[in-house]
Amino acid sequence: MVQIMRQVCGMRKLPPPSHLVRGLAGNEGDYVPLNAEESKKIVEEIEGSVEKLLSDAIRQATSRGSPEIQDSNASESTESSTLVKGKTIG
């Protein structure tokens, strides 16, 4: 379900970063190169946060139900129909 939400929201996985900025992004001297292990750790942290965000959104949506579904169920229960020889008159 998380993967579906990711697709629906247009959230793509980011490529691993090659540098970290310590200071101003406009100053190339503030760029610090990352090794593969550091880069992987950053990607894992970001992906973990995205997964948690999407999981929480799914959990919240499924726990309270959809308002459209609740409204249609409420209207069905308040409407009365009369059945006459196999035909519904309402």
Protein backbone atom coordinates (compact mmCIF):
# COMPACT_ATOMS: atom_id res chain seq x y z
CA MET A 1 0.00 0.00 0.00
CA VAL A 2 2.89 2.35 0.76
CA GLN A 3 4.27 1.81 -2.75
CA ILE A 4 0.87 2.62 -4.25
CA MET A 5 0.63 5.82 -2.21
CA ARG A 6 4.14 6.70 -3.29
CA GLN A 7 3.12 6.34 -6.96
CA VAL A 8 -0.12 8.29 -6.49
CA CYS A 9 1.69 11.14 -4.76
CA GLY A 10 4.48 11.13 -7.35
CA MET A 11 7.16 10.45 -4.74
CA ARG A 12 10.18 8.94 -6.45
CA LYS A 13 13.23 7.58 -4.75
CA LEU A 14 16.08 10.06 -4.78
CA PRO A 15 19.50 9.17 -6.16
CA PRO A 16 22.20 8.87 -3.52
CA PRO A 17 23.84 12.22 -2.73
CA SER A 18 27.47 12.77 -3.64
CA HIS A 19 28.10 15.80 -1.44
CA LEU A 20 26.85 17.45 1.73
CA VAL A 21 26.64 21.24 1.98
CA ARG A 22 28.08 22.77 5.14
CA GLY A 23 27.31 26.45 4.71
CA LEU A 24 25.99 28.11 1.57
CA ALA A 25 24.89 26.07 -1.43
CA GLY A 26 26.19 28.83 -3.71
CA ASN A 27 29.72 28.40 -2.39
CA GLU A 28 31.41 25.32 -3.90
CA GLY A 29 33.93 25.39 -1.07
CA ASP A 30 31.15 24.46 1.36
CA TYR A 31 30.51 21.14 -0.44
CA VAL A 32 31.85 18.12 1.43
CA PRO A 33 32.19 14.87 -0.58
CA LEU A 34 30.42 11.81 0.81
CA ASN A 35 31.67 8.25 0.66
CA ALA A 36 29.32 5.41 -0.35
CA GLU A 37 28.53 4.48 3.27
CA GLU A 38 27.59 8.05 4.25
CA SER A 39 25.50 8.44 1.12
CA LYS A 40 23.66 5.17 1.78
CA LYS A 41 22.94 6.21 5.37
CA ILE A 42 21.35 9.49 4.21
CA VAL A 43 19.19 7.67 1.66
CA GLU A 44 18.05 5.18 4.33
CA GLU A 45 17.09 8.02 6.69
CA ILE A 46 15.10 9.80 3.98
CA GLU A 47 13.38 6.60 2.83
CA GLY A 48 12.52 5.71 6.43
CA SER A 49 10.91 9.12 6.93
CA VAL A 50 8.93 8.84 3.68
CA GLU A 51 7.73 5.32 4.57
CA LYS A 52 6.63 6.52 8.02
CA LEU A 53 4.83 9.54 6.57
CA LEU A 54 2.94 7.43 4.05
CA SER A 55 2.17 4.65 6.55
CA ASP A 56 0.76 7.20 9.00
CA ALA A 57 -1.39 8.74 6.24
CA ILE A 58 -2.73 5.30 5.25
CA ARG A 59 -3.41 4.36 8.88
CA GLN A 60 -5.21 7.66 9.48
CA ALA A 61 -7.34 7.32 6.34
CA THR A 62 -8.34 3.72 7.06
CA SER A 63 -9.06 4.30 10.75
CA ARG A 64 -11.61 7.06 10.24
CA GLY A 65 -13.07 5.82 6.95
CA SER A 66 -13.92 7.84 3.90
CA PRO A 67 -16.49 10.64 4.39
CA GLU A 68 -18.11 9.76 1.04
CA ILE A 69 -18.68 6.19 2.16
CA GLN A 70 -20.03 7.29 5.53
CA ASP A 71 -22.39 9.82 3.91
CA SER A 72 -23.74 7.33 1.38
CA ASN A 73 -24.35 4.75 4.10
CA ALA A 74 -26.19 7.34 6.19
CA SER A 75 -28.44 8.35 3.30
CA GLU A 76 -29.21 4.72 2.51
CA SER A 77 -30.34 4.06 6.06
CA THR A 78 -32.62 7.12 6.20
CA GLU A 79 -34.29 6.54 2.83
CA SER A 80 -37.20 4.15 2.79
CA SER A 81 -38.38 2.20 -0.23
CA THR A 82 -41.56 0.27 -0.78
CA LEU A 83 -41.45 -3.10 -2.46
CA VAL A 84 -44.49 -3.88 -4.58
CA LYS A 85 -44.59 -7.22 -6.45
CA GLY A 86 -40.82 -7.27 -7.18
CA LYS A 87 -40.55 -3.57 -8.01
CA THR A 88 -39.03 -0.98 -5.74
CA ILE A 89 -40.88 2.31 -5.45
CA GLY A 90 -38.94 4.94 -3.64
